[in-house]
C-alpha atoms as a PDB file:
ATOM      1  CA  MET A   1       6.715  19.548  47.793  1.00  0.00           C
ATOM      2  CA  THR A   2       9.468  17.570  46.134  1.00  0.00           C
ATOM      3  CA  ASP A   3      13.219  17.631  47.306  1.00  0.00           C
ATOM      4  CA  LEU A   4      15.174  18.468  43.901  1.00  0.00           C
ATOM      5  CA  GLN A   5      18.371  19.023  45.035  1.00  0.00           C
ATOM      6  CA  SER A   6      20.869  18.041  42.448  1.00  0.00           C
ATOM      7  CA  ARG A   7      24.674  18.675  42.327  1.00  0.00           C
ATOM      8  CA  PHE A   8      26.281  20.519  39.787  1.00  0.00           C
ATOM      9  CA  GLU A   9      30.207  20.765  38.349  1.00  0.00           C
ATOM     10  CA  CYS A  10      31.524  23.606  36.523  1.00  0.00           C
ATOM     11  CA  VAL A  11      32.929  22.396  33.141  1.00  0.00           C
ATOM     12  CA  ALA A  12      33.691  25.900  31.654  1.00  0.00           C
ATOM     13  CA  GLN A  13      34.504  29.477  32.672  1.00  0.00           C
ATOM     14  CA  GLN A  14      33.889  31.848  29.730  1.00  0.00           C
ATOM     15  CA  THR A  15      33.883  35.266  29.315  1.00  0.00           C
ATOM     16  CA  ALA A  16      30.416  36.780  28.878  1.00  0.00           C
ATOM     17  CA  ARG A  17      30.057  39.038  25.698  1.00  0.00           C
ATOM     18  CA  TYR A  18      28.008  42.149  25.322  1.00  0.00           C
ATOM     19  CA  GLU A  19      25.812  41.743  21.703  1.00  0.00           C
ATOM     20  CA  ASP A  20      23.016  44.434  20.523  1.00  0.00           C
ATOM     21  CA  GLY A  21      21.986  45.143  24.149  1.00  0.00           C
ATOM     22  CA  SER A  22      21.815  41.651  25.119  1.00  0.00           C
ATOM     23  CA  VAL A  23      24.639  39.339  27.206  1.00  0.00           C
ATOM     24  CA  SER A  24      25.933  35.767  25.509  1.00  0.00           C
ATOM     25  CA  VAL A  25      28.074  33.641  27.160  1.00  0.00           C
ATOM     26  CA  SER A  26      28.865  30.148  25.195  1.00  0.00           C
ATOM     27  CA  ILE A  27      27.688  27.004  26.154  1.00  0.00           C
ATOM     28  CA  LYS A  28      29.500  24.731  24.008  1.00  0.00           C
ATOM     29  CA  ARG A  29      31.821  22.826  26.694  1.00  0.00           C
ATOM     30  CA  ALA A  30      28.536  22.124  28.649  1.00  0.00           C
ATOM     31  CA  LEU A  31      26.733  20.692  25.330  1.00  0.00           C
ATOM     32  CA  ASP A  32      29.482  18.415  24.538  1.00  0.00           C
ATOM     33  CA  VAL A  33      30.052  17.057  27.891  1.00  0.00           C
ATOM     34  CA  LEU A  34      26.141  16.496  28.015  1.00  0.00           C
ATOM     35  CA  GLY A  35      26.443  14.901  24.272  1.00  0.00           C
ATOM     36  CA  GLN A  36      23.554  17.562  23.505  1.00  0.00           C
ATOM     37  CA  ALA A  37      25.905  19.652  20.755  1.00  0.00           C
ATOM     38  CA  GLY A  38      23.615  19.604  17.531  1.00  0.00           C
ATOM     39  CA  VAL A  39      20.543  18.513  19.356  1.00  0.00           C
ATOM     40  CA  ALA A  40      19.391  21.019  21.534  1.00  0.00           C
ATOM     41  CA  GLN A  41      18.276  24.002  19.880  1.00  0.00           C
ATOM     42  CA  ALA A  42      16.967  26.301  23.046  1.00  0.00           C
ATOM     43  CA  VAL A  43      17.683  26.530  26.892  1.00  0.00           C
ATOM     44  CA  ARG A  44      14.314  27.306  29.094  1.00  0.00           C
ATOM     45  CA  PHE A  45      15.955  29.016  32.074  1.00  0.00           C
ATOM     46  CA  ALA A  46      14.843  29.485  35.665  1.00  0.00           C
ATOM     47  CA  GLU A  47      16.161  31.590  38.206  1.00  0.00           C
ATOM     48  CA  THR A  48      16.992  29.409  41.689  1.00  0.00           C
ATOM     49  CA  GLU A  49      19.160  30.731  44.428  1.00  0.00           C
ATOM     50  CA  ASP A  50      21.280  34.018  44.254  1.00  0.00           C
ATOM     51  CA  GLY A  51      23.405  34.127  41.571  1.00  0.00           C
ATOM     52  CA  PHE A  52      22.699  30.629  39.831  1.00  0.00           C
ATOM     53  CA  LEU A  53      20.503  30.404  36.945  1.00  0.00           C
ATOM     54  CA  VAL A  54      19.352  26.702  35.692  1.00  0.00           C
ATOM     55  CA  GLY A  55      18.316  25.499  32.253  1.00  0.00           C
ATOM     56  CA  GLU A  56      16.639  22.596  30.533  1.00  0.00           C
ATOM     57  CA  LEU A  57      17.929  22.259  27.180  1.00  0.00           C
ATOM     58  CA  VAL A  58      15.411  21.709  24.738  1.00  0.00           C
ATOM     59  CA  GLY A  59      15.115  19.839  21.176  1.00  0.00           C
ATOM     60  CA  SER A  60      13.397  22.718  19.790  1.00  0.00           C
ATOM     61  CA  LYS A  61      13.321  26.557  19.038  1.00  0.00           C
ATOM     62  CA  LEU A  62      11.523  28.567  21.653  1.00  0.00           C
ATOM     63  CA  ASP A  63       8.992  31.435  21.208  1.00  0.00           C
ATOM     64  CA  GLY A  64      10.251  33.985  23.276  1.00  0.00           C
ATOM     65  CA  ARG A  65       6.515  35.727  23.681  1.00  0.00           C
ATOM     66  CA  GLU A  66       5.464  32.294  25.195  1.00  0.00           C
ATOM     67  CA  ASN A  67       8.667  31.596  26.882  1.00  0.00           C
ATOM     68  CA  PRO A  68      10.031  34.737  28.525  1.00  0.00           C
ATOM     69  CA  MET A  69      12.837  32.712  30.128  1.00  0.00           C
ATOM     70  CA  GLY A  70      13.672  30.796  27.317  1.00  0.00           C
ATOM     71  CA  ARG A  71      16.377  31.520  24.780  1.00  0.00           C
ATOM     72  CA  ASN A  72      17.462  29.827  21.367  1.00  0.00           C
ATOM     73  CA  ILE A  73      20.685  28.644  21.086  1.00  0.00           C
ATOM     74  CA  LYS A  74      22.955  30.681  18.371  1.00  0.00           C
ATOM     75  CA  ASP A  75      25.649  29.061  16.674  1.00  0.00           C
ATOM     76  CA  PRO A  76      28.183  31.536  15.021  1.00  0.00           C
ATOM     77  CA  GLY A  77      31.261  29.971  13.754  1.00  0.00           C
ATOM     78  CA  GLY A  78      30.690  26.863  15.734  1.00  0.00           C
ATOM     79  CA  ASP A  79      30.633  28.378  19.196  1.00  0.00           C
ATOM     80  CA  LEU A  80      27.190  27.339  20.666  1.00  0.00           C
ATOM     81  CA  ARG A  81      25.920  30.578  22.490  1.00  0.00           C
ATOM     82  CA  VAL A  82      23.130  31.737  24.573  1.00  0.00           C
ATOM     83  CA  MET A  83      21.487  34.831  25.722  1.00  0.00           C
ATOM     84  CA  ILE A  84      21.209  35.286  28.902  1.00  0.00           C
ATOM     85  CA  PRO A  85      17.637  36.754  29.848  1.00  0.00           C
ATOM     86  CA  PRO A  86      17.473  40.418  30.810  1.00  0.00           C
ATOM     87  CA  ALA A  87      15.273  39.460  33.638  1.00  0.00           C
ATOM     88  CA  ALA A  88      18.209  37.360  35.203  1.00  0.00           C
ATOM     89  CA  PHE A  89      20.869  40.094  35.278  1.00  0.00           C
ATOM     90  CA  ASP A  90      19.935  41.075  38.712  1.00  0.00           C
ATOM     91  CA  HIS A  91      19.868  37.405  39.812  1.00  0.00           C
ATOM     92  CA  LEU A  92      23.128  36.765  38.382  1.00  0.00           C
ATOM     93  CA  GLU A  93      24.757  40.355  39.527  1.00  0.00           C
ATOM     94  CA  ILE A  94      25.813  40.830  35.795  1.00  0.00           C
ATOM     95  CA  ASP A  95      26.859  44.205  35.145  1.00  0.00           C
ATOM     96  CA  LYS A  96      26.713  45.298  31.612  1.00  0.00           C
ATOM     97  CA  GLU A  97      29.552  47.651  31.600  1.00  0.00           C
ATOM     98  CA  GLN A  98      31.874  44.958  32.798  1.00  0.00           C
ATOM     99  CA  VAL A  99      30.586  42.583  30.034  1.00  0.00           C
ATOM    100  CA  ARG A 100      31.232  45.459  27.554  1.00  0.00           C
ATOM    101  CA  GLU A 101      35.043  45.938  28.940  1.00  0.00           C
ATOM    102  CA  GLY A 102      35.424  42.037  28.387  1.00  0.00           C
ATOM    103  CA  ASN A 103      35.530  41.840  32.383  1.00  0.00           C
ATOM    104  CA  ALA A 104      32.971  39.189  33.086  1.00  0.00           C
ATOM    105  CA  ASP A 105      33.400  35.888  33.735  1.00  0.00           C
ATOM    106  CA  ILE A 106      30.448  33.385  33.665  1.00  0.00           C
ATOM    107  CA  ASP A 107      30.495  29.518  34.704  1.00  0.00           C
ATOM    108  CA  VAL A 108      29.077  26.944  32.976  1.00  0.00           C
ATOM    109  CA  TRP A 109      27.927  24.163  34.898  1.00  0.00           C
ATOM    110  CA  VAL A 110      26.306  20.561  34.237  1.00  0.00           C
ATOM    111  CA  CYS A 111      23.855  18.692  36.233  1.00  0.00           C
ATOM    112  CA  SER A 112      26.279  15.799  37.431  1.00  0.00           C
ATOM    113  CA  ASP A 113      23.410  14.098  39.406  1.00  0.00           C
ATOM    114  CA  PRO A 114      22.501  10.499  38.069  1.00  0.00           C
ATOM    115  CA  ASP A 115      18.699  11.185  38.919  1.00  0.00           C
ATOM    116  CA  VAL A 116      17.825  14.027  36.941  1.00  0.00           C
ATOM    117  CA  ASP A 117      17.715  13.832  33.143  1.00  0.00           C
ATOM    118  CA  PRO A 118      21.172  14.963  31.753  1.00  0.00           C
ATOM    119  CA  SER A 119      20.105  18.028  29.906  1.00  0.00           C
ATOM    120  CA  VAL A 120      20.133  20.732  32.705  1.00  0.00           C
ATOM    121  CA  ILE A 121      22.660  23.219  32.749  1.00  0.00           C
ATOM    122  CA  GLY A 122      23.665  26.096  35.092  1.00  0.00           C
ATOM    123  CA  ILE A 123      25.238  29.668  34.789  1.00  0.00           C
ATOM    124  CA  SER A 124      26.511  31.493  37.504  1.00  0.00           C
ATOM    125  CA  PRO A 125      29.058  34.380  37.733  1.00  0.00           C
ATOM    126  CA  HIS A 126      32.892  32.782  38.345  1.00  0.00           C
ATOM    127  CA  ILE A 127      32.754  31.555  41.950  1.00  0.00           C
ATOM    128  CA  ARG A 128      33.069  28.207  42.764  1.00  0.00           C
ATOM    129  CA  GLN A 129      33.813  24.490  41.533  1.00  0.00           C
ATOM    130  CA  VAL A 130      30.788  22.470  42.921  1.00  0.00           C
ATOM    131  CA  HIS A 131      27.251  23.123  43.727  1.00  0.00           C
ATOM    132  CA  THR A 132      24.144  21.695  44.743  1.00  0.00           C
ATOM    133  CA  VAL A 133      20.914  23.842  43.476  1.00  0.00           C
ATOM    134  CA  ASP A 134      17.462  23.073  44.177  1.00  0.00           C
ATOM    135  CA  LEU A 135      15.491  22.549  40.924  1.00  0.00           C
ATOM    136  CA  GLU A 136      12.101  23.030  42.510  1.00  0.00           C
ATOM    137  CA  PRO A 137      11.568  26.351  40.230  1.00  0.00           C
ATOM    138  CA  LEU A 138      12.556  24.505  37.173  1.00  0.00           C
ATOM    139  CA  LEU A 139      11.098  20.982  37.217  1.00  0.00           C
ATOM    140  CA  GLY A 140       8.500  21.003  40.004  1.00  0.00           C
ATOM    141  CA  ASP A 141       5.307  19.293  40.496  1.00  0.00           C
ATOM    142  CA  SER A 142       3.197  19.802  37.523  1.00  0.00           C
ATOM    143  CA  GLU A 143       0.037  19.104  39.236  1.00  0.00           C
END
């Protein structure tokens, strides 16, 4: 088993938005920090430890039927947003009612580990400023 512990830094605190039964969050700041704005088209998410969701930025749109944790990046008015997979609501402890009321803050993170491809972001409830995460569920051995 590979040790994929990686350091993440919080780059933005965003208020989650309720849209047609789904929860979205702006990842524009993360994309800007990583130089991926206009390049990344989707995020392939994976649950890691409790309260943290990591995602690999990908350069093409994803088909949700083939990638149940993948979400395409939407660009309403220049605000690059991604829907959080419903399967991750419990993992992130997202309360849809709080989101509807505008009371759910989400932290957006970028992987700052120089040994990891600079296309990994994280999403968590607003909790802390630096975090180390095991990327095994996302980037584990493909053997």
